[in-house]
Amino acid sequence: AEALRKRSRTEPLHNAEGLHYLPYNIDAFKSLCLQLL
């Protein structure tokens, strides 16, 4: 999650119900997976 956050240059968001989530960039997700493997 931290690696994805930094690559995507995003920060977690939350809604009024108390749910928190991390937006991400699609290409950042792909490249992180490939790098890890």
PDB file of all heavy atoms in Angstrom:
ATOM      1  N   ALA A   1       0.817  -1.211   0.000  1.00  0.00           N
ATOM      2  CA  ALA A   1       0.000   0.000   0.000  1.00  0.00           C
ATOM      3  C   ALA A   1       0.850   1.259   0.000  1.00  0.00           C
ATOM      4  O   ALA A   1       0.564   2.218  -0.731  1.00  0.00           O
ATOM      5  CB  ALA A   1      -0.937  -0.008   1.205  1.00  0.00           C
ATOM      6  N   GLU A   2       1.893   1.265   0.799  1.00  0.00           N
ATOM      7  CA  GLU A   2       2.756   2.446   0.851  1.00  0.00           C
ATOM      8  C   GLU A   2       3.496   2.661  -0.467  1.00  0.00           C
ATOM      9  O   GLU A   2       3.623   3.792  -0.944  1.00  0.00           O
ATOM     10  CB  GLU A   2       3.755   2.305   2.005  1.00  0.00           C
ATOM     11  CG  GLU A   2       3.193   2.716   3.346  1.00  0.00           C
ATOM     12  CD  GLU A   2       2.853   4.199   3.374  1.00  0.00           C
ATOM     13  OE1 GLU A   2       3.766   5.029   3.526  1.00  0.00           O
ATOM     14  OE2 GLU A   2       1.663   4.540   3.208  1.00  0.00           O
ATOM     15  N   ALA A   3       3.974   1.581  -1.065  1.00  0.00           N
ATOM     16  CA  ALA A   3       4.648   1.700  -2.358  1.00  0.00           C
ATOM     17  C   ALA A   3       3.683   2.191  -3.427  1.00  0.00           C
ATOM     18  O   ALA A   3       4.026   3.042  -4.267  1.00  0.00           O
ATOM     19  CB  ALA A   3       5.244   0.355  -2.759  1.00  0.00           C
ATOM     20  N   LEU A   4       2.441   1.693  -3.401  1.00  0.00           N
ATOM     21  CA  LEU A   4       1.435   2.107  -4.371  1.00  0.00           C
ATOM     22  C   LEU A   4       1.041   3.562  -4.169  1.00  0.00           C
ATOM     23  O   LEU A   4       0.875   4.314  -5.143  1.00  0.00           O
ATOM     24  CB  LEU A   4       0.203   1.203  -4.259  1.00  0.00           C
ATOM     25  CG  LEU A   4      -0.927   1.470  -5.244  1.00  0.00           C
ATOM     26  CD1 LEU A   4      -0.466   1.260  -6.675  1.00  0.00           C
ATOM     27  CD2 LEU A   4      -2.125   0.571  -4.928  1.00  0.00           C
ATOM     28  N   ARG A   5       0.896   3.965  -2.916  1.00  0.00           N
ATOM     29  CA  ARG A   5       0.545   5.361  -2.610  1.00  0.00           C
ATOM     30  C   ARG A   5       1.597   6.312  -3.166  1.00  0.00           C
ATOM     31  O   ARG A   5       1.265   7.334  -3.792  1.00  0.00           O
ATOM     32  CB  ARG A   5       0.409   5.543  -1.098  1.00  0.00           C
ATOM     33  CG  ARG A   5       0.050   6.958  -0.662  1.00  0.00           C
ATOM     34  CD  ARG A   5       0.029   7.100   0.849  1.00  0.00           C
ATOM     35  NE  ARG A   5       1.339   6.900   1.456  1.00  0.00           N
ATOM     36  CZ  ARG A   5       2.303   7.827   1.510  1.00  0.00           C
ATOM     37  NH1 ARG A   5       2.097   9.033   0.980  1.00  0.00           N
ATOM     38  NH2 ARG A   5       3.459   7.557   2.085  1.00  0.00           N
ATOM     39  N   LYS A   6       2.849   5.982  -2.971  1.00  0.00           N
ATOM     40  CA  LYS A   6       3.936   6.851  -3.425  1.00  0.00           C
ATOM     41  C   LYS A   6       4.017   6.882  -4.949  1.00  0.00           C
ATOM     42  O   LYS A   6       4.206   7.946  -5.546  1.00  0.00           O
ATOM     43  CB  LYS A   6       5.259   6.387  -2.820  1.00  0.00           C
ATOM     44  CG  LYS A   6       5.331   6.598  -1.312  1.00  0.00           C
ATOM     45  CD  LYS A   6       6.567   5.968  -0.700  1.00  0.00           C
ATOM     46  CE  LYS A   6       6.574   6.134   0.818  1.00  0.00           C
ATOM     47  NZ  LYS A   6       7.737   5.434   1.453  1.00  0.00           N
ATOM     48  N   ARG A   7       3.850   5.728  -5.591  1.00  0.00           N
ATOM     49  CA  ARG A   7       3.904   5.687  -7.055  1.00  0.00           C
ATOM     50  C   ARG A   7       2.724   6.419  -7.679  1.00  0.00           C
ATOM     51  O   ARG A   7       2.858   7.039  -8.733  1.00  0.00           O
ATOM     52  CB  ARG A   7       3.892   4.237  -7.542  1.00  0.00           C
ATOM     53  CG  ARG A   7       5.198   3.518  -7.410  1.00  0.00           C
ATOM     54  CD  ARG A   7       5.109   2.138  -8.019  1.00  0.00           C
ATOM     55  NE  ARG A   7       6.356   1.435  -7.783  1.00  0.00           N
ATOM     56  CZ  ARG A   7       7.049   0.799  -8.723  1.00  0.00           C
ATOM     57  NH1 ARG A   7       6.601   0.758  -9.960  1.00  0.00           N
ATOM     58  NH2 ARG A   7       8.177   0.182  -8.426  1.00  0.00           N
ATOM     59  N   SER A   8       1.576   6.296  -7.051  1.00  0.00           N
ATOM     60  CA  SER A   8       0.365   6.915  -7.588  1.00  0.00           C
ATOM     61  C   SER A   8       0.264   8.395  -7.238  1.00  0.00           C
ATOM     62  O   SER A   8      -0.556   9.121  -7.805  1.00  0.00           O
ATOM     63  CB  SER A   8      -0.874   6.188  -7.058  1.00  0.00           C
ATOM     64  OG  SER A   8      -0.886   4.837  -7.424  1.00  0.00           O
ATOM     65  N   ARG A   9       1.069   8.826  -6.255  1.00  0.00           N
ATOM     66  CA  ARG A   9       1.025  10.202  -5.755  1.00  0.00           C
ATOM     67  C   ARG A   9      -0.386  10.550  -5.274  1.00  0.00           C
ATOM     68  O   ARG A   9      -0.956  11.592  -5.625  1.00  0.00           O
ATOM     69  CB  ARG A   9       1.501  11.186  -6.831  1.00  0.00           C
ATOM     70  CG  ARG A   9       2.944  10.973  -7.240  1.00  0.00           C
ATOM     71  CD  ARG A   9       3.399  11.959  -8.281  1.00  0.00           C
ATOM     72  NE  ARG A   9       4.797  11.718  -8.661  1.00  0.00           N
ATOM     73  CZ  ARG A   9       5.474  12.435  -9.558  1.00  0.00           C
ATOM     74  NH1 ARG A   9       4.861  13.455 -10.160  1.00  0.00           N
ATOM     75  NH2 ARG A   9       6.722  12.149  -9.850  1.00  0.00           N
ATOM     76  N   THR A  10      -0.926   9.650  -4.472  1.00  0.00           N
ATOM     77  CA  THR A  10      -2.261   9.839  -3.915  1.00  0.00           C
ATOM     78  C   THR A  10      -2.196   9.718  -2.392  1.00  0.00           C
ATOM     79  O   THR A  10      -1.194   9.264  -1.837  1.00  0.00           O
ATOM     80  CB  THR A  10      -3.243   8.790  -4.453  1.00  0.00           C
ATOM     81  OG1 THR A  10      -2.762   7.480  -4.131  1.00  0.00           O
ATOM     82  CG2 THR A  10      -3.408   8.904  -5.956  1.00  0.00           C
ATOM     83  N   GLU A  11      -3.282  10.099  -1.767  1.00  0.00           N
ATOM     84  CA  GLU A  11      -3.431   9.959  -0.324  1.00  0.00           C
ATOM     85  C   GLU A  11      -4.784   9.309  -0.048  1.00  0.00           C
ATOM     86  O   GLU A  11      -5.706   9.408  -0.862  1.00  0.00           O
ATOM     87  CB  GLU A  11      -3.354  11.320   0.373  1.00  0.00           C
ATOM     88  CG  GLU A  11      -2.003  12.007   0.262  1.00  0.00           C
ATOM     89  CD  GLU A  11      -0.862  11.222   0.914  1.00  0.00           C
ATOM     90  OE1 GLU A  11      -1.147  10.466   1.881  1.00  0.00           O
ATOM     91  OE2 GLU A  11       0.289  11.362   0.467  1.00  0.00           O
ATOM     92  N   PRO A  12      -4.922   8.628   1.093  1.00  0.00           N
ATOM     93  CA  PRO A  12      -6.206   7.982   1.396  1.00  0.00           C
ATOM     94  C   PRO A  12      -7.342   8.988   1.529  1.00  0.00           C
ATOM     95  O   PRO A  12      -7.141  10.128   1.960  1.00  0.00           O
ATOM     96  CB  PRO A  12      -5.939   7.257   2.720  1.00  0.00           C
ATOM     97  CG  PRO A  12      -4.718   7.904   3.295  1.00  0.00           C
ATOM     98  CD  PRO A  12      -3.911   8.361   2.137  1.00  0.00           C
ATOM     99  N   LEU A  13      -8.531   8.534   1.153  1.00  0.00           N
ATOM    100  CA  LEU A  13      -9.751   9.321   1.287  1.00  0.00           C
ATOM    101  C   LEU A  13     -10.692   8.611   2.253  1.00  0.00           C
ATOM    102  O   LEU A  13     -10.501   7.441   2.569  1.00  0.00           O
ATOM    103  CB  LEU A  13     -10.434   9.475  -0.077  1.00  0.00           C
ATOM    104  CG  LEU A  13      -9.634  10.172  -1.176  1.00  0.00           C
ATOM    105  CD1 LEU A  13     -10.389  10.106  -2.500  1.00  0.00           C
ATOM    106  CD2 LEU A  13      -9.337  11.619  -0.803  1.00  0.00           C
ATOM    107  N   HIS A  14     -11.715   9.337   2.702  1.00  0.00           N
ATOM    108  CA  HIS A  14     -12.706   8.705   3.564  1.00  0.00           C
ATOM    109  C   HIS A  14     -14.076   9.313   3.279  1.00  0.00           C
ATOM    110  O   HIS A  14     -14.182  10.413   2.725  1.00  0.00           O
ATOM    111  CB  HIS A  14     -12.349   8.884   5.043  1.00  0.00           C
ATOM    112  CG  HIS A  14     -12.413  10.310   5.516  1.00  0.00           C
ATOM    113  ND1 HIS A  14     -11.398  11.215   5.278  1.00  0.00           N
ATOM    114  CD2 HIS A  14     -13.374  10.984   6.202  1.00  0.00           C
ATOM    115  CE1 HIS A  14     -11.724  12.382   5.790  1.00  0.00           C
ATOM    116  NE2 HIS A  14     -12.915  12.277   6.358  1.00  0.00           N
ATOM    117  N   ASN A  15     -15.121   8.572   3.647  1.00  0.00           N
ATOM    118  CA  ASN A  15     -16.471   9.099   3.469  1.00  0.00           C
ATOM    119  C   ASN A  15     -17.133   9.320   4.826  1.00  0.00           C
ATOM    120  O   ASN A  15     -16.550   9.025   5.882  1.00  0.00           O
ATOM    121  CB  ASN A  15     -17.311   8.177   2.567  1.00  0.00           C
ATOM    122  CG  ASN A  15     -17.528   6.789   3.177  1.00  0.00           C
ATOM    123  OD1 ASN A  15     -17.350   6.580   4.371  1.00  0.00           O
ATOM    124  ND2 ASN A  15     -17.916   5.846   2.331  1.00  0.00           N
ATOM    125  N   ALA A  16     -18.363   9.815   4.804  1.00  0.00           N
ATOM    126  CA  ALA A  16     -19.067  10.171   6.038  1.00  0.00           C
ATOM    127  C   ALA A  16     -19.394   8.950   6.890  1.00  0.00           C
ATOM    128  O   ALA A  16     -19.582   9.062   8.103  1.00  0.00           O
ATOM    129  CB  ALA A  16     -20.355  10.927   5.698  1.00  0.00           C
ATOM    130  N   GLU A  17     -19.456   7.768   6.262  1.00  0.00           N
ATOM    131  CA  GLU A  17     -19.787   6.534   7.001  1.00  0.00           C
ATOM    132  C   GLU A  17     -18.596   5.981   7.765  1.00  0.00           C
ATOM    133  O   GLU A  17     -18.737   5.039   8.545  1.00  0.00           O
ATOM    134  CB  GLU A  17     -20.326   5.474   6.040  1.00  0.00           C
ATOM    135  CG  GLU A  17     -21.753   5.705   5.568  1.00  0.00           C
ATOM    136  CD  GLU A  17     -21.851   6.873   4.599  1.00  0.00           C
ATOM    137  OE1 GLU A  17     -20.925   7.030   3.764  1.00  0.00           O
ATOM    138  OE2 GLU A  17     -22.821   7.644   4.696  1.00  0.00           O
ATOM    139  N   GLY A  18     -17.396   6.512   7.523  1.00  0.00           N
ATOM    140  CA  GLY A  18     -16.218   6.043   8.241  1.00  0.00           C
ATOM    141  C   GLY A  18     -15.358   5.066   7.466  1.00  0.00           C
ATOM    142  O   GLY A  18     -14.460   4.442   8.045  1.00  0.00           O
ATOM    143  N   LEU A  19     -15.612   4.934   6.160  1.00  0.00           N
ATOM    144  CA  LEU A  19     -14.806   4.040   5.333  1.00  0.00           C
ATOM    145  C   LEU A  19     -13.638   4.809   4.722  1.00  0.00           C
ATOM    146  O   LEU A  19     -13.813   5.897   4.180  1.00  0.00           O
ATOM    147  CB  LEU A  19     -15.662   3.417   4.227  1.00  0.00           C
ATOM    148  CG  LEU A  19     -16.826   2.551   4.707  1.00  0.00           C
ATOM    149  CD1 LEU A  19     -17.630   2.042   3.522  1.00  0.00           C
ATOM    150  CD2 LEU A  19     -16.312   1.379   5.540  1.00  0.00           C
ATOM    151  N   HIS A  20     -12.461   4.218   4.799  1.00  0.00           N
ATOM    152  CA  HIS A  20     -11.240   4.835   4.277  1.00  0.00           C
ATOM    153  C   HIS A  20     -10.685   3.955   3.160  1.00  0.00           C
ATOM    154  O   HIS A  20     -10.723   2.725   3.250  1.00  0.00           O
ATOM    155  CB  HIS A  20     -10.198   4.972   5.389  1.00  0.00           C
ATOM    156  CG  HIS A  20     -10.641   5.851   6.524  1.00  0.00           C
ATOM    157  ND1 HIS A  20     -10.038   7.054   6.820  1.00  0.00           N
ATOM    158  CD2 HIS A  20     -11.636   5.692   7.449  1.00  0.00           C
ATOM    159  CE1 HIS A  20     -10.639   7.600   7.866  1.00  0.00           C
ATOM    160  NE2 HIS A  20     -11.611   6.790   8.268  1.00  0.00           N
ATOM    161  N   TYR A  21     -10.149   4.579   2.120  1.00  0.00           N
ATOM    162  CA  TYR A  21      -9.651   3.810   0.978  1.00  0.00           C
ATOM    163  C   TYR A  21      -8.569   4.609   0.269  1.00  0.00           C
ATOM    164  O   TYR A  21      -8.472   5.836   0.402  1.00  0.00           O
ATOM    165  CB  TYR A  21     -10.787   3.468   0.015  1.00  0.00           C
ATOM    166  CG  TYR A  21     -11.877   4.504  -0.040  1.00  0.00           C
ATOM    167  CD1 TYR A  21     -11.740   5.652  -0.808  1.00  0.00           C
ATOM    168  CD2 TYR A  21     -13.036   4.345   0.721  1.00  0.00           C
ATOM    169  CE1 TYR A  21     -12.734   6.609  -0.831  1.00  0.00           C
ATOM    170  CE2 TYR A  21     -14.040   5.307   0.705  1.00  0.00           C
ATOM    171  CZ  TYR A  21     -13.882   6.441  -0.084  1.00  0.00           C
ATOM    172  OH  TYR A  21     -14.855   7.395  -0.087  1.00  0.00           O
ATOM    173  N   LEU A  22      -7.767   3.899  -0.514  1.00  0.00           N
ATOM    174  CA  LEU A  22      -6.622   4.515  -1.184  1.00  0.00           C
ATOM    175  C   LEU A  22      -6.840   4.546  -2.696  1.00  0.00           C
ATOM    176  O   LEU A  22      -6.879   3.492  -3.340  1.00  0.00           O
ATOM    177  CB  LEU A  22      -5.351   3.724  -0.878  1.00  0.00           C
ATOM    178  CG  LEU A  22      -4.058   4.240  -1.531  1.00  0.00           C
ATOM    179  CD1 LEU A  22      -3.677   5.601  -0.946  1.00  0.00           C
ATOM    180  CD2 LEU A  22      -2.924   3.239  -1.330  1.00  0.00           C
ATOM    181  N   PRO A  23      -6.988   5.733  -3.308  1.00  0.00           N
ATOM    182  CA  PRO A  23      -7.043   5.808  -4.770  1.00  0.00           C
ATOM    183  C   PRO A  23      -5.664   5.455  -5.342  1.00  0.00           C
ATOM    184  O   PRO A  23      -4.634   5.682  -4.697  1.00  0.00           O
ATOM    185  CB  PRO A  23      -7.375   7.281  -5.048  1.00  0.00           C
ATOM    186  CG  PRO A  23      -7.800   7.854  -3.737  1.00  0.00           C
ATOM    187  CD  PRO A  23      -7.115   7.058  -2.689  1.00  0.00           C
ATOM    188  N   TYR A  24      -5.655   4.904  -6.549  1.00  0.00           N
ATOM    189  CA  TYR A  24      -4.371   4.551  -7.149  1.00  0.00           C
ATOM    190  C   TYR A  24      -4.398   4.761  -8.656  1.00  0.00           C
ATOM    191  O   TYR A  24      -5.454   4.822  -9.288  1.00  0.00           O
ATOM    192  CB  TYR A  24      -4.000   3.095  -6.838  1.00  0.00           C
ATOM    193  CG  TYR A  24      -4.963   2.071  -7.405  1.00  0.00           C
ATOM    194  CD1 TYR A  24      -4.828   1.581  -8.703  1.00  0.00           C
ATOM    195  CD2 TYR A  24      -6.012   1.582  -6.634  1.00  0.00           C
ATOM    196  CE1 TYR A  24      -5.714   0.644  -9.213  1.00  0.00           C
ATOM    197  CE2 TYR A  24      -6.908   0.649  -7.136  1.00  0.00           C
ATOM    198  CZ  TYR A  24      -6.753   0.181  -8.432  1.00  0.00           C
ATOM    199  OH  TYR A  24      -7.636  -0.734  -8.930  1.00  0.00           O
ATOM    200  N   ASN A  25      -3.213   4.862  -9.218  1.00  0.00           N
ATOM    201  CA  ASN A  25      -3.039   4.969 -10.662  1.00  0.00           C
ATOM    202  C   ASN A  25      -2.895   3.564 -11.246  1.00  0.00           C
ATOM    203  O   ASN A  25      -2.144   2.746 -10.719  1.00  0.00           O
ATOM    204  CB  ASN A  25      -1.795   5.810 -10.959  1.00  0.00           C
ATOM    205  CG  ASN A  25      -1.461   5.866 -12.425  1.00  0.00           C
ATOM    206  OD1 ASN A  25      -0.771   4.994 -12.945  1.00  0.00           O
ATOM    207  ND2 ASN A  25      -1.944   6.882 -13.103  1.00  0.00           N
ATOM    208  N   ILE A  26      -3.617   3.278 -12.326  1.00  0.00           N
ATOM    209  CA  ILE A  26      -3.637   1.928 -12.899  1.00  0.00           C
ATOM    210  C   ILE A  26      -2.243   1.492 -13.341  1.00  0.00           C
ATOM    211  O   ILE A  26      -1.798   0.373 -13.043  1.00  0.00           O
ATOM    212  CB  ILE A  26      -4.608   1.854 -14.098  1.00  0.00           C
ATOM    213  CG1 ILE A  26      -6.016   2.308 -13.693  1.00  0.00           C
ATOM    214  CG2 ILE A  26      -4.638   0.439 -14.673  1.00  0.00           C
ATOM    215  CD1 ILE A  26      -6.648   1.503 -12.595  1.00  0.00           C
ATOM    216  N   ASP A  27      -1.518   2.361 -14.041  1.00  0.00           N
ATOM    217  CA  ASP A  27      -0.178   2.004 -14.512  1.00  0.00           C
ATOM    218  C   ASP A  27       0.781   1.813 -13.348  1.00  0.00           C
ATOM    219  O   ASP A  27       1.681   0.958 -13.406  1.00  0.00           O
ATOM    220  CB  ASP A  27       0.361   3.073 -15.465  1.00  0.00           C
ATOM    221  CG  ASP A  27      -0.366   3.061 -16.809  1.00  0.00           C
ATOM    222  OD1 ASP A  27      -0.852   1.980 -17.209  1.00  0.00           O
ATOM    223  OD2 ASP A  27      -0.458   4.134 -17.445  1.00  0.00           O
ATOM    224  N   ALA A  28       0.607   2.596 -12.286  1.00  0.00           N
ATOM    225  CA  ALA A  28       1.443   2.429 -11.097  1.00  0.00           C
ATOM    226  C   ALA A  28       1.208   1.070 -10.468  1.00  0.00           C
ATOM    227  O   ALA A  28       2.148   0.400 -10.008  1.00  0.00           O
ATOM    228  CB  ALA A  28       1.146   3.535 -10.087  1.00  0.00           C
ATOM    229  N   PHE A  29      -0.044   0.616 -10.446  1.00  0.00           N
ATOM    230  CA  PHE A  29      -0.384  -0.693  -9.884  1.00  0.00           C
ATOM    231  C   PHE A  29       0.284  -1.799 -10.709  1.00  0.00           C
ATOM    232  O   PHE A  29       0.902  -2.719 -10.164  1.00  0.00           O
ATOM    233  CB  PHE A  29      -1.905  -0.877  -9.877  1.00  0.00           C
ATOM    234  CG  PHE A  29      -2.399  -1.916  -8.910  1.00  0.00           C
ATOM    235  CD1 PHE A  29      -3.079  -1.543  -7.757  1.00  0.00           C
ATOM    236  CD2 PHE A  29      -2.197  -3.267  -9.148  1.00  0.00           C
ATOM    237  CE1 PHE A  29      -3.550  -2.500  -6.861  1.00  0.00           C
ATOM    238  CE2 PHE A  29      -2.663  -4.226  -8.267  1.00  0.00           C
ATOM    239  CZ  PHE A  29      -3.342  -3.848  -7.122  1.00  0.00           C
ATOM    240  N   LYS A  30       0.171  -1.708 -12.020  1.00  0.00           N
ATOM    241  CA  LYS A  30       0.780  -2.714 -12.899  1.00  0.00           C
ATOM    242  C   LYS A  30       2.292  -2.786 -12.702  1.00  0.00           C
ATOM    243  O   LYS A  30       2.871  -3.871 -12.582  1.00  0.00           O
ATOM    244  CB  LYS A  30       0.476  -2.393 -14.362  1.00  0.00           C
ATOM    245  CG  LYS A  30      -0.961  -2.588 -14.792  1.00  0.00           C
ATOM    246  CD  LYS A  30      -1.124  -2.208 -16.264  1.00  0.00           C
ATOM    247  CE  LYS A  30      -2.550  -2.381 -16.739  1.00  0.00           C
ATOM    248  NZ  LYS A  30      -2.721  -1.951 -18.143  1.00  0.00           N
ATOM    249  N   SER A  31       2.927  -1.618 -12.702  1.00  0.00           N
ATOM    250  CA  SER A  31       4.392  -1.597 -12.626  1.00  0.00           C
ATOM    251  C   SER A  31       4.892  -2.074 -11.268  1.00  0.00           C
ATOM    252  O   SER A  31       5.929  -2.745 -11.177  1.00  0.00           O
ATOM    253  CB  SER A  31       4.925  -0.191 -12.922  1.00  0.00           C
ATOM    254  OG  SER A  31       4.522   0.736 -11.934  1.00  0.00           O
ATOM    255  N   LEU A  32       4.153  -1.767 -10.202  1.00  0.00           N
ATOM    256  CA  LEU A  32       4.550  -2.232  -8.877  1.00  0.00           C
ATOM    257  C   LEU A  32       4.474  -3.755  -8.801  1.00  0.00           C
ATOM    258  O   LEU A  32       5.387  -4.404  -8.270  1.00  0.00           O
ATOM    259  CB  LEU A  32       3.655  -1.610  -7.806  1.00  0.00           C
ATOM    260  CG  LEU A  32       3.875  -2.092  -6.368  1.00  0.00           C
ATOM    261  CD1 LEU A  32       5.308  -1.832  -5.916  1.00  0.00           C
ATOM    262  CD2 LEU A  32       2.877  -1.423  -5.414  1.00  0.00           C
ATOM    263  N   CYS A  33       3.401  -4.338  -9.331  1.00  0.00           N
ATOM    264  CA  CYS A  33       3.269  -5.797  -9.330  1.00  0.00           C
ATOM    265  C   CYS A  33       4.418  -6.449 -10.095  1.00  0.00           C
ATOM    266  O   CYS A  33       5.016  -7.430  -9.630  1.00  0.00           O
ATOM    267  CB  CYS A  33       1.935  -6.206  -9.962  1.00  0.00           C
ATOM    268  SG  CYS A  33       0.486  -5.782  -8.977  1.00  0.00           S
ATOM    269  N   LEU A  34       4.734  -5.903 -11.261  1.00  0.00           N
ATOM    270  CA  LEU A  34       5.811  -6.467 -12.076  1.00  0.00           C
ATOM    271  C   LEU A  34       7.157  -6.337 -11.376  1.00  0.00           C
ATOM    272  O   LEU A  34       7.967  -7.280 -11.386  1.00  0.00           O
ATOM    273  CB  LEU A  34       5.849  -5.768 -13.431  1.00  0.00           C
ATOM    274  CG  LEU A  34       6.829  -6.339 -14.457  1.00  0.00           C
ATOM    275  CD1 LEU A  34       6.518  -7.804 -14.756  1.00  0.00           C
ATOM    276  CD2 LEU A  34       6.795  -5.516 -15.742  1.00  0.00           C
ATOM    277  N   GLN A  35       7.388  -5.202 -10.747  1.00  0.00           N
ATOM    278  CA  GLN A  35       8.653  -5.010 -10.031  1.00  0.00           C
ATOM    279  C   GLN A  35       8.801  -6.009  -8.889  1.00  0.00           C
ATOM    280  O   GLN A  35       9.874  -6.600  -8.703  1.00  0.00           O
ATOM    281  CB  GLN A  35       8.744  -3.585  -9.486  1.00  0.00           C
ATOM    282  CG  GLN A  35      10.035  -3.330  -8.698  1.00  0.00           C
ATOM    283  CD  GLN A  35      10.094  -1.942  -8.094  1.00  0.00           C
ATOM    284  OE1 GLN A  35       9.680  -0.977  -8.728  1.00  0.00           O
ATOM    285  NE2 GLN A  35      10.604  -1.836  -6.869  1.00  0.00           N
ATOM    286  N   LEU A  36       7.745  -6.208  -8.120  1.00  0.00           N
ATOM    287  CA  LEU A  36       7.806  -7.129  -6.984  1.00  0.00           C
ATOM    288  C   LEU A  36       8.113  -8.555  -7.433  1.00  0.00           C
ATOM    289  O   LEU A  36       8.947  -9.241  -6.834  1.00  0.00           O
ATOM    290  CB  LEU A  36       6.492  -7.095  -6.211  1.00  0.00           C
ATOM    291  CG  LEU A  36       6.259  -5.863  -5.340  1.00  0.00           C
ATOM    292  CD1 LEU A  36       4.804  -5.772  -4.912  1.00  0.00           C
ATOM    293  CD2 LEU A  36       7.174  -5.899  -4.113  1.00  0.00           C
ATOM    294  N   LEU A  37       7.456  -8.998  -8.501  1.00  0.00           N
ATOM    295  CA  LEU A  37       7.714 -10.358  -8.986  1.00  0.00           C
ATOM    296  C   LEU A  37       9.122 -10.473  -9.560  1.00  0.00           C
ATOM    297  O   LEU A  37       9.794 -11.499  -9.378  1.00  0.00           O
ATOM    298  CB  LEU A  37       6.680 -10.752 -10.038  1.00  0.00           C
ATOM    299  CG  LEU A  37       5.229 -10.865  -9.560  1.00  0.00           C
ATOM    300  CD1 LEU A  37       4.374 -11.547 -10.630  1.00  0.00           C
ATOM    301  CD2 LEU A  37       5.108 -11.635  -8.247  1.00  0.00           C
TER     302      LEU A  37
END
